[in-house]
Amino acid sequence: MASLPVENVSDLLASMASAANLLAHNRPGAREQLLSRAYELITRLETPSEVIQRMGWAEPARFAASQIAIDLKIFEKLKEAGGPGLSLPDLAYATQADAALLARTMKHLASMNIVSEKSIDVFASTALSDAFTEPKLRDGITYCFNVAGPSFHKLPAYLKTTAYKQPHDISDGPFQYAHDTKAPFFLWLGEHPQYLENFNNYMAGYRAGKASWTQEGFYPVSERLGAGLKKEADTVLLVDVGGGMGHDLEDLKTRFPDLKGRLLLQERPEVIRQIASLSTGIEVIEHDFFTTQPVKGARAYYLHSVLHDWDHDSARRILTHLAAALERGYSKLLINELVVPNQAAAWSVTSMDWLMLALGAVRKRTERDWRELLESVGMKVVKIWTWEQGTESVIEAELV
């Protein structure tokens, strides 16, 4: 293959240097820009054969080796060992795994920058491997490997059986084909408590390091929610509908401790049972968002990564119940989701769209999709706030 023109790489390196400078000055979106340029640099430098090697076996092997390390608690053992690390014989003794197999596993993890290879057959932890000891990240690997992974692997075969038609049935799609079930994704999760726990833990990990909708420069919480808030003692500031483990409410309470009004977390019983603790002032209510919304006239109803799990008709059912609870001219609906741009979508957006395809036979929505969906239930988009292309947006809507 002919080498790339030097100026192509030089221009990209200059662009990366500019993004790095913005990152050094804490400019919003700079980290995402730098990551995008770095991925582009790799793509420009790799030969087509190297791309196939990376996709075909380097990345799958890293994924499998990481799951093996989790099963054997290798990341925890390396973290406990500290700087000196552990020798291969020590790891084999601690895990009771075959030393030759461990050597192959650890060498690939080291080559992929997950652990550090201090010397021959001596391995130590890194910041990344230490992070993989946290349930919110560790469980993300297990969930993706065992739940999402088979769906992606079987997706081409499934689409071939449908003559490449867009799937729409949440109980008969790629996920069901891969896992030999007729249960929709979330019902299947409920039937597999370990994977449900993995999923709920990872929802916190997935958001780690990403811009929070409450941080300065994103959604103006005080201006849009605090101003005009009713003064009654039982006023509800925000209802987090399908709010998982309550991470968003905790974040809101931490960043805006003086903001008045009740904070309500609504979830299914099986999710609530997994919540270890919540800050004082966060109330928990059992609720199925396919049923009538019991809280009327709150200042805001909040949906974070909820509607992307459901097809158009199901999403309309959820929104119809919420629309009936809104107070005209006062209540707001806040939807925290990825909004697919019409052109030049980032990989973080397009890959999430594929994840929705593989798991739920649903898709990420464009701005036009969101406007049409909300208008179909008597609401309108007031404004869309976006931190940076490739990150989640906050769609503010109200009754027409």
Protein backbone atom coordinates (compact mmCIF):
# COMPACT_ATOMS: atom_id res chain seq x y z
CA MET A 1 0.00 0.00 0.00
CA ALA A 2 1.31 3.45 -0.85
CA SER A 3 2.26 5.60 2.14
CA LEU A 4 0.03 8.48 3.08
CA PRO A 5 1.10 11.99 2.09
CA VAL A 6 3.06 13.53 4.94
CA GLU A 7 0.95 16.69 4.83
CA ASN A 8 -2.21 14.69 5.58
CA VAL A 9 -0.76 13.37 8.82
CA SER A 10 0.95 16.68 9.60
CA ASP A 11 -2.30 18.58 9.27
CA LEU A 12 -4.05 16.13 11.54
CA LEU A 13 -1.25 16.35 14.13
CA ALA A 14 -1.56 20.14 14.06
CA SER A 15 -5.29 19.81 14.64
CA MET A 16 -4.61 17.46 17.57
CA ALA A 17 -2.15 19.95 19.06
CA SER A 18 -4.81 22.65 18.85
CA ALA A 19 -7.37 20.40 20.57
CA ALA A 20 -4.81 19.49 23.23
CA ASN A 21 -4.27 23.17 23.94
CA LEU A 22 -8.01 23.65 24.39
CA LEU A 23 -8.08 20.65 26.72
CA ALA A 24 -5.29 22.14 28.81
CA HIS A 25 -7.51 25.20 29.28
CA ASN A 26 -10.53 23.06 30.24
CA ARG A 27 -12.50 24.11 27.17
CA PRO A 28 -15.83 22.21 26.95
CA GLY A 29 -15.76 19.52 24.26
CA ALA A 30 -11.97 19.64 23.84
CA ARG A 31 -11.43 16.11 25.15
CA GLU A 32 -14.00 14.73 22.72
CA GLN A 33 -12.40 16.60 19.82
CA LEU A 34 -8.96 15.25 20.71
CA LEU A 35 -10.27 11.69 20.94
CA SER A 36 -11.92 12.03 17.54
CA ARG A 37 -8.67 13.25 15.98
CA ALA A 38 -6.71 10.44 17.65
CA TYR A 39 -9.02 7.79 16.20
CA GLU A 40 -8.75 9.45 12.81
CA LEU A 41 -4.95 9.38 13.07
CA ILE A 42 -4.97 5.63 13.75
CA THR A 43 -7.27 5.06 10.77
CA ARG A 44 -5.00 7.07 8.48
CA LEU A 45 -1.86 5.25 9.61
CA GLU A 46 -3.16 1.69 9.59
CA THR A 47 -3.04 -0.39 6.44
CA PRO A 48 -6.26 -2.16 5.43
CA SER A 49 -4.76 -5.44 6.58
CA GLU A 50 -3.96 -3.94 9.98
CA VAL A 51 -7.54 -2.71 10.27
CA ILE A 52 -8.77 -6.26 9.73
CA GLN A 53 -6.30 -7.59 12.30
CA ARG A 54 -7.48 -5.06 14.87
CA MET A 55 -11.20 -5.67 14.22
CA GLY A 56 -10.89 -9.41 13.63
CA TRP A 57 -8.78 -10.59 16.53
CA ALA A 58 -6.89 -7.90 18.47
CA GLU A 59 -10.01 -6.23 19.89
CA PRO A 60 -12.03 -9.45 20.37
CA ALA A 61 -9.03 -10.98 22.15
CA ARG A 62 -8.72 -7.91 24.41
CA PHE A 63 -12.41 -8.22 25.26
CA ALA A 64 -12.17 -11.94 26.02
CA ALA A 65 -8.94 -11.53 28.02
CA SER A 66 -10.53 -8.75 30.07
CA GLN A 67 -13.50 -10.97 30.91
CA ILE A 68 -11.14 -13.78 31.90
CA ALA A 69 -9.23 -11.35 34.12
CA ILE A 70 -12.50 -10.31 35.75
CA ASP A 71 -13.54 -13.94 36.31
CA LEU A 72 -10.16 -14.67 37.95
CA LYS A 73 -10.12 -11.34 39.87
CA ILE A 74 -6.73 -10.55 38.35
CA PHE A 75 -7.32 -6.79 38.29
CA GLU A 76 -8.06 -6.82 42.03
CA LYS A 77 -4.95 -8.88 42.76
CA LEU A 78 -2.73 -6.52 40.76
CA LYS A 79 -4.23 -3.51 42.50
CA GLU A 80 -3.56 -5.06 45.92
CA ALA A 81 0.04 -5.82 44.91
CA GLY A 82 0.74 -2.16 44.12
CA GLY A 83 3.78 -0.89 42.23
CA PRO A 84 5.96 -4.02 42.21
CA GLY A 85 3.20 -6.06 40.60
CA LEU A 86 2.98 -9.84 40.57
CA SER A 87 5.06 -12.49 38.87
CA LEU A 88 3.42 -15.07 36.65
CA PRO A 89 3.99 -17.87 39.21
CA ASP A 90 2.36 -15.71 41.91
CA LEU A 91 -0.64 -15.03 39.66
CA ALA A 92 -0.93 -18.71 38.79
CA TYR A 93 -0.87 -19.62 42.49
CA ALA A 94 -3.41 -16.92 43.40
CA THR A 95 -5.85 -17.82 40.62
CA GLN A 96 -5.19 -21.56 40.33
CA ALA A 97 -5.13 -21.05 36.56
CA ASP A 98 -2.68 -22.62 34.13
CA ALA A 99 0.51 -20.54 34.01
CA ALA A 100 0.91 -20.83 30.24
CA LEU A 101 -2.65 -19.67 29.65
CA LEU A 102 -2.19 -16.82 32.12
CA ALA A 103 0.96 -15.73 30.31
CA ARG A 104 -0.92 -15.44 27.01
CA THR A 105 -3.76 -13.55 28.70
CA MET A 106 -1.52 -11.09 30.53
CA LYS A 107 0.74 -10.42 27.54
CA HIS A 108 -2.21 -9.43 25.39
CA LEU A 109 -3.65 -7.24 28.12
CA ALA A 110 -0.25 -5.56 28.41
CA SER A 111 0.08 -5.11 24.65
CA MET A 112 -3.34 -3.43 24.63
CA ASN A 113 -2.35 -1.09 27.50
CA ILE A 114 -4.74 -2.50 30.09
CA VAL A 115 -2.01 -3.77 32.45
CA SER A 116 1.71 -2.97 32.66
CA GLU A 117 4.46 -5.49 31.88
CA LYS A 118 7.19 -4.54 34.37
CA SER A 119 9.68 -7.18 33.27
CA ILE A 120 9.66 -10.71 31.92
CA ASP A 121 6.54 -12.41 33.35
CA VAL A 122 5.94 -9.64 35.88
CA PHE A 123 2.76 -7.60 35.56
CA ALA A 124 1.41 -4.58 37.42
CA SER A 125 -1.79 -2.61 37.52
CA THR A 126 -2.51 0.59 35.61
CA ALA A 127 -5.08 3.31 36.18
CA LEU A 128 -7.30 1.51 33.66
CA SER A 129 -7.03 -1.94 35.24
CA ASP A 130 -7.66 -0.36 38.66
CA ALA A 131 -10.79 1.24 37.22
CA PHE A 132 -11.92 -2.21 36.08
CA THR A 133 -12.15 -3.28 39.73
CA GLU A 134 -15.05 -0.86 40.26
CA PRO A 135 -18.45 -2.55 39.83
CA LYS A 136 -19.78 0.26 37.63
CA LEU A 137 -17.02 -0.42 35.07
CA ARG A 138 -16.20 -4.07 35.68
CA ASP A 139 -19.85 -5.01 35.23
CA GLY A 140 -19.92 -3.10 31.95
CA ILE A 141 -17.42 -5.56 30.49
CA THR A 142 -19.39 -8.56 31.73
CA TYR A 143 -22.70 -7.14 30.50
CA CYS A 144 -21.34 -6.23 27.06
CA PHE A 145 -19.46 -9.51 26.63
CA ASN A 146 -22.29 -11.82 27.65
CA VAL A 147 -25.42 -9.87 26.66
CA ALA A 148 -24.61 -7.41 23.89
CA GLY A 149 -21.74 -9.41 22.38
CA PRO A 150 -23.79 -12.40 21.17
CA SER A 151 -26.36 -10.06 19.63
CA PHE A 152 -23.74 -8.27 17.58
CA HIS A 153 -22.14 -11.55 16.54
CA LYS A 154 -25.44 -12.98 15.28
CA LEU A 155 -26.75 -9.72 13.78
CA PRO A 156 -25.64 -10.34 10.16
CA ALA A 157 -27.18 -13.84 10.21
CA TYR A 158 -30.41 -12.47 11.66
CA LEU A 159 -30.69 -9.73 9.02
CA LYS A 160 -30.06 -12.27 6.29
CA THR A 161 -33.12 -14.23 7.45
CA THR A 162 -35.26 -11.07 7.13
CA ALA A 163 -33.98 -10.14 3.66
CA TYR A 164 -32.33 -7.15 5.34
CA LYS A 165 -35.50 -5.47 6.57
CA GLN A 166 -35.38 -2.92 9.38
CA PRO A 167 -36.45 -4.79 12.56
CA HIS A 168 -39.32 -3.29 14.55
CA ASP A 169 -40.61 -6.07 16.80
CA ILE A 170 -39.01 -5.81 20.27
CA SER A 171 -39.93 -9.43 20.99
CA ASP A 172 -38.64 -10.86 17.70
CA GLY A 173 -35.42 -9.10 16.75
CA PRO A 174 -31.65 -9.61 16.75
CA PHE A 175 -31.48 -10.04 20.53
CA GLN A 176 -34.10 -12.79 20.55
CA TYR A 177 -32.39 -14.53 17.61
CA ALA A 178 -29.04 -14.51 19.42
CA HIS A 179 -30.31 -15.50 22.87
CA ASP A 180 -33.03 -17.94 21.73
CA THR A 181 -35.86 -16.14 23.53
CA LYS A 182 -39.13 -14.42 22.74
CA ALA A 183 -38.86 -12.03 25.68
CA PRO A 184 -38.15 -8.34 24.96
CA PHE A 185 -34.74 -7.20 26.13
CA PHE A 186 -35.75 -5.70 29.48
CA LEU A 187 -38.05 -8.58 30.38
CA TRP A 188 -35.17 -10.95 29.62
CA LEU A 189 -32.91 -8.90 31.88
CA GLY A 190 -35.46 -9.18 34.66
CA GLU A 191 -35.34 -12.95 34.24
CA HIS A 192 -31.54 -12.90 34.60
CA PRO A 193 -30.80 -11.00 37.86
CA GLN A 194 -27.02 -11.16 37.49
CA TYR A 195 -27.09 -9.44 34.10
CA LEU A 196 -29.69 -6.96 35.36
CA GLU A 197 -27.29 -6.04 38.16
CA ASN A 198 -24.43 -5.77 35.66
CA PHE A 199 -26.57 -3.50 33.48
CA ASN A 200 -27.67 -1.21 36.31
CA ASN A 201 -24.14 -0.88 37.67
CA TYR A 202 -22.78 -0.09 34.24
CA MET A 203 -25.29 2.69 33.68
CA ALA A 204 -23.30 4.64 36.27
CA GLY A 205 -20.02 3.65 34.64
CA TYR A 206 -21.22 4.54 31.16
CA ARG A 207 -21.82 8.11 32.29
CA ALA A 208 -18.53 8.42 34.18
CA GLY A 209 -16.30 11.03 32.57
CA LYS A 210 -19.10 12.34 30.38
CA ALA A 211 -20.56 15.79 30.72
CA SER A 212 -23.42 15.88 33.22
CA TRP A 213 -26.54 17.74 32.15
CA THR A 214 -26.32 19.71 35.41
CA GLN A 215 -22.81 21.07 35.01
CA GLU A 216 -22.08 24.67 34.11
CA GLY A 217 -22.26 25.32 30.39
CA PHE A 218 -24.73 22.53 29.67
CA TYR A 219 -28.36 22.83 30.76
CA PRO A 220 -29.09 26.01 32.81
CA VAL A 221 -30.77 24.32 35.78
CA SER A 222 -31.30 27.36 37.98
CA GLU A 223 -32.63 29.49 35.14
CA ARG A 224 -34.92 26.86 33.61
CA LEU A 225 -36.09 24.96 36.70
CA GLY A 226 -35.37 27.07 39.78
CA ALA A 227 -36.83 30.30 38.43
CA GLY A 228 -40.60 30.22 38.67
CA LEU A 229 -40.68 27.18 40.96
CA LYS A 230 -43.79 27.09 43.14
CA LYS A 231 -43.27 27.95 46.81
CA GLU A 232 -45.54 25.35 48.43
CA ALA A 233 -43.84 22.95 50.84
CA ASP A 234 -44.80 19.86 48.82
CA THR A 235 -43.70 21.26 45.46
CA VAL A 236 -41.98 18.65 43.30
CA LEU A 237 -38.90 19.97 41.53
CA LEU A 238 -38.04 16.91 39.43
CA VAL A 239 -39.34 13.40 38.83
CA ASP A 240 -36.66 11.08 37.47
CA VAL A 241 -38.78 8.58 35.54
CA GLY A 242 -37.05 5.22 35.13
CA GLY A 243 -34.07 6.77 36.90
CA GLY A 244 -32.21 3.57 37.68
CA MET A 245 -30.04 3.77 40.77
CA GLY A 246 -30.64 7.50 41.28
CA HIS A 247 -27.29 8.75 39.99
CA ASP A 248 -28.75 11.75 38.16
CA LEU A 249 -30.72 12.90 41.20
CA GLU A 250 -27.63 12.56 43.37
CA ASP A 251 -25.70 14.67 40.88
CA LEU A 252 -28.44 17.32 40.78
CA LYS A 253 -28.59 17.48 44.57
CA THR A 254 -24.79 17.76 44.85
CA ARG A 255 -24.46 20.54 42.29
CA PHE A 256 -27.53 22.47 43.43
CA PRO A 257 -27.88 21.86 47.18
CA ASP A 258 -29.91 25.05 47.71
CA LEU A 259 -32.46 24.34 45.00
CA LYS A 260 -35.86 23.89 46.62
CA GLY A 261 -38.46 21.26 45.84
CA ARG A 262 -38.85 17.51 46.22
CA LEU A 263 -36.76 15.05 44.20
CA LEU A 264 -38.54 11.82 43.23
CA LEU A 265 -37.01 8.66 41.80
CA GLN A 266 -39.42 6.33 39.98
CA GLU A 267 -38.36 2.78 39.14
CA ARG A 268 -39.50 -0.81 39.00
CA PRO A 269 -39.36 -2.83 42.23
CA GLU A 270 -36.55 -5.11 41.05
CA VAL A 271 -34.34 -2.08 40.38
CA ILE A 272 -35.23 -0.34 43.63
CA ARG A 273 -34.18 -3.44 45.57
CA GLN A 274 -30.64 -3.00 44.22
CA ILE A 275 -30.26 0.58 45.50
CA ALA A 276 -27.89 0.49 48.48
CA SER A 277 -28.52 4.05 49.66
CA LEU A 278 -29.62 7.50 48.54
CA SER A 279 -29.03 10.95 49.93
CA THR A 280 -31.55 12.36 52.36
CA GLY A 281 -34.31 14.13 50.47
CA ILE A 282 -34.48 11.77 47.49
CA GLU A 283 -37.79 9.91 47.59
CA VAL A 284 -38.29 6.55 45.90
CA ILE A 285 -41.57 5.53 44.26
CA GLU A 286 -42.37 2.21 42.58
CA HIS A 287 -43.69 3.01 39.13
CA ASP A 288 -44.09 1.46 35.69
CA PHE A 289 -43.84 4.23 33.10
CA PHE A 290 -46.32 2.40 30.87
CA THR A 291 -49.01 3.23 33.44
CA THR A 292 -50.61 6.51 34.55
CA GLN A 293 -48.10 8.99 35.99
CA PRO A 294 -49.15 9.44 39.66
CA VAL A 295 -47.27 12.70 40.24
CA LYS A 296 -49.13 15.63 38.72
CA GLY A 297 -47.84 19.12 38.01
CA ALA A 298 -44.16 18.70 38.86
CA ARG A 299 -41.78 21.38 37.68
CA ALA A 300 -39.91 18.83 35.56
CA TYR A 301 -40.17 15.20 34.48
CA TYR A 302 -36.83 13.74 33.46
CA LEU A 303 -36.05 10.80 31.18
CA HIS A 304 -32.42 9.77 30.82
CA SER A 305 -31.69 7.12 28.18
CA VAL A 306 -35.20 5.70 28.56
CA LEU A 307 -36.96 6.29 25.27
CA HIS A 308 -34.12 4.94 23.13
CA ASP A 309 -34.93 1.51 24.52
CA TRP A 310 -38.41 1.53 23.03
CA ASP A 311 -40.01 1.57 19.61
CA HIS A 312 -42.14 4.47 18.38
CA ASP A 313 -45.46 3.14 19.67
CA SER A 314 -44.05 2.25 23.08
CA ALA A 315 -42.34 5.64 23.36
CA ARG A 316 -45.66 7.33 22.53
CA ARG A 317 -47.34 5.39 25.34
CA ILE A 318 -44.69 6.54 27.83
CA LEU A 319 -44.92 10.16 26.68
CA THR A 320 -48.73 10.15 26.64
CA HIS A 321 -48.81 9.30 30.35
CA LEU A 322 -46.30 12.06 31.06
CA ALA A 323 -48.11 14.63 28.94
CA ALA A 324 -51.26 14.00 30.99
CA ALA A 325 -49.33 14.86 34.17
CA LEU A 326 -47.79 18.12 32.92
CA GLU A 327 -49.21 21.46 33.99
CA ARG A 328 -49.51 23.75 30.98
CA GLY A 329 -47.22 26.76 31.17
CA TYR A 330 -45.32 25.41 34.18
CA SER A 331 -44.17 21.80 33.81
CA LYS A 332 -41.29 20.77 31.56
CA LEU A 333 -40.24 17.45 30.11
CA LEU A 334 -36.48 16.93 29.96
CA ILE A 335 -35.17 14.15 27.73
CA ASN A 336 -31.47 13.37 28.13
CA GLU A 337 -30.51 11.36 25.04
CA LEU A 338 -28.17 11.24 22.09
CA VAL A 339 -29.57 13.17 19.14
CA VAL A 340 -28.28 11.86 15.82
CA PRO A 341 -27.11 14.74 13.59
CA ASN A 342 -28.04 14.75 9.92
CA GLN A 343 -24.38 14.55 8.85
CA ALA A 344 -20.97 13.64 10.28
CA ALA A 345 -22.27 11.76 13.33
CA ALA A 346 -19.58 10.70 15.81
CA TRP A 347 -18.81 7.00 16.30
CA SER A 348 -20.13 7.22 19.88
CA VAL A 349 -23.53 8.11 18.41
CA THR A 350 -23.59 5.66 15.50
CA SER A 351 -22.32 2.75 17.63
CA MET A 352 -25.00 3.41 20.24
CA ASP A 353 -27.56 3.33 17.44
CA TRP A 354 -26.24 -0.11 16.48
CA LEU A 355 -26.41 -1.23 20.11
CA MET A 356 -30.07 -0.25 20.16
CA LEU A 357 -30.56 -2.27 16.97
CA ALA A 358 -28.81 -5.33 18.38
CA LEU A 359 -30.57 -5.33 21.75
CA GLY A 360 -33.99 -3.81 21.25
CA ALA A 361 -34.74 -3.64 17.53
CA VAL A 362 -34.99 0.12 18.07
CA ARG A 363 -32.85 3.07 17.03
CA LYS A 364 -31.41 6.39 18.07
CA ARG A 365 -33.52 9.32 16.93
CA THR A 366 -32.65 12.39 14.89
CA GLU A 367 -33.81 15.87 15.85
CA ARG A 368 -36.65 15.54 13.35
CA ASP A 369 -37.64 12.20 14.91
CA TRP A 370 -37.77 13.77 18.38
CA ARG A 371 -39.86 16.71 17.23
CA GLU A 372 -42.35 14.45 15.41
CA LEU A 373 -42.58 12.06 18.36
CA LEU A 374 -43.26 14.83 20.86
CA GLU A 375 -45.74 16.58 18.58
CA SER A 376 -47.68 13.31 18.24
CA VAL A 377 -48.53 13.47 21.97
CA GLY A 378 -49.33 17.18 22.14
CA MET A 379 -45.91 18.51 23.12
CA LYS A 380 -43.36 20.71 21.42
CA VAL A 381 -39.59 21.10 21.64
CA VAL A 382 -38.62 24.34 23.37
CA LYS A 383 -34.87 23.98 22.89
CA ILE A 384 -32.14 21.35 22.58
CA TRP A 385 -28.96 21.80 24.61
CA THR A 386 -25.86 19.88 23.46
CA TRP A 387 -22.48 19.82 25.19
CA GLU A 388 -20.48 18.60 22.21
CA GLN A 389 -21.15 16.54 19.09
CA GLY A 390 -21.06 12.90 20.11
CA THR A 391 -22.37 13.51 23.62
CA GLU A 392 -25.87 13.43 25.01
CA SER A 393 -28.25 16.34 24.62
CA VAL A 394 -31.03 17.68 26.81
CA ILE A 395 -34.30 18.19 24.96
CA GLU A 396 -36.66 20.51 26.80
CA ALA A 397 -40.31 20.10 25.85
CA GLU A 398 -43.65 21.37 27.09
CA LEU A 399 -47.33 21.09 26.26
CA VAL A 400 -48.41 22.82 23.08
